């Protein structure tokens, strides 16, 4: 049985992709900063419902490394 969620490591990582729709590594970093900031601002009992440590930030960033490699390959192909 796979532990993935809609092609991502887990639901938490997938949700970052859905709600923030990052288009670059910088967008991923901005999302991370936003999440960390927002979580600090909510009461502790609500923080207990949020599993932010499960978010696979490396996977989200790697998604854009793959896109960059594909773009470079397409640019290198002769017309």
Protein backbone atom coordinates (compact mmCIF):
# COMPACT_ATOMS: atom_id res chain seq x y z
CA UNK A 1 0.00 0.00 0.00
CA UNK A 2 1.29 3.43 -0.93
CA UNK A 3 1.53 6.15 1.69
CA UNK A 4 1.33 8.92 -0.88
CA UNK A 5 -1.52 11.37 -1.30
CA UNK A 6 -2.48 12.46 -4.81
CA UNK A 7 1.09 11.89 -5.95
CA UNK A 8 2.69 13.74 -3.03
CA UNK A 9 4.43 12.40 0.08
CA UNK A 10 1.38 13.04 2.25
CA UNK A 11 -1.77 15.11 2.57
CA UNK A 12 0.02 17.99 4.30
CA UNK A 13 2.46 18.40 1.42
CA UNK A 14 -0.33 18.10 -1.13
CA UNK A 15 -2.33 20.79 0.68
CA UNK A 16 0.56 23.25 0.42
CA UNK A 17 0.60 22.63 -3.31
CA UNK A 18 -3.18 23.08 -3.55
CA UNK A 19 -3.58 26.17 -1.39
CA UNK A 20 -0.40 28.04 -2.29
CA UNK A 21 0.06 26.79 -5.88
CA UNK A 22 3.80 27.52 -5.84
CA UNK A 23 5.41 28.12 -9.21
CA UNK A 24 9.03 28.32 -8.05
CA UNK A 25 11.34 27.48 -5.19
CA UNK A 26 10.91 31.05 -3.97
CA UNK A 27 7.15 30.50 -3.80
CA UNK A 28 7.73 27.36 -1.74
CA UNK A 29 9.94 29.30 0.65
CA UNK A 30 7.33 32.06 0.92
CA UNK A 31 4.65 29.47 1.67
CA UNK A 32 6.84 27.95 4.36
CA UNK A 33 7.43 31.32 6.00
CA UNK A 34 3.71 32.10 5.83
CA UNK A 35 2.74 28.78 7.41
CA UNK A 36 5.31 29.09 10.18
CA UNK A 37 4.23 32.65 10.93
CA UNK A 38 0.53 31.84 10.89
CA UNK A 39 0.92 28.80 13.14
CA UNK A 40 2.77 30.86 15.74
CA UNK A 41 -0.20 33.23 15.84
CA UNK A 42 -2.89 30.70 16.70
CA UNK A 43 -3.69 29.31 20.14
CA UNK A 44 -1.76 26.23 21.22
CA UNK A 45 -4.83 24.00 21.24
CA UNK A 46 -5.34 24.75 17.53
CA UNK A 47 -1.65 24.25 16.79
CA UNK A 48 -2.12 20.70 18.01
CA UNK A 49 -4.42 20.07 15.03
CA UNK A 50 -1.81 21.20 12.51
CA UNK A 51 0.86 18.73 11.49
CA UNK A 52 3.25 21.19 9.89
CA UNK A 53 6.25 18.98 10.62
CA UNK A 54 4.87 16.48 8.09
CA UNK A 55 5.12 18.93 5.20
CA UNK A 56 7.83 17.75 2.84
CA UNK A 57 9.34 21.08 1.81
CA UNK A 58 12.20 19.33 0.00
CA UNK A 59 9.73 17.49 -2.21
CA UNK A 60 7.93 20.72 -3.05
CA UNK A 61 11.21 22.41 -4.00
CA UNK A 62 12.39 19.36 -5.95
CA UNK A 63 9.24 19.61 -8.03
CA UNK A 64 10.66 22.79 -9.53
CA UNK A 65 14.10 21.29 -10.08
CA UNK A 66 12.42 18.67 -12.27
CA UNK A 67 10.54 21.38 -14.17
CA UNK A 68 13.76 23.33 -14.74
CA UNK A 69 15.53 20.24 -16.07
CA UNK A 70 12.66 19.52 -18.47
CA UNK A 71 12.70 23.12 -19.72
CA UNK A 72 16.45 22.96 -20.31
CA UNK A 73 16.05 19.71 -22.25
CA UNK A 74 13.29 21.22 -24.40
CA UNK A 75 15.42 24.28 -25.14
CA UNK A 76 18.37 22.09 -26.11
CA UNK A 77 16.35 20.10 -28.66
CA UNK A 78 16.80 21.35 -32.23
CA UNK A 79 13.69 22.48 -34.09
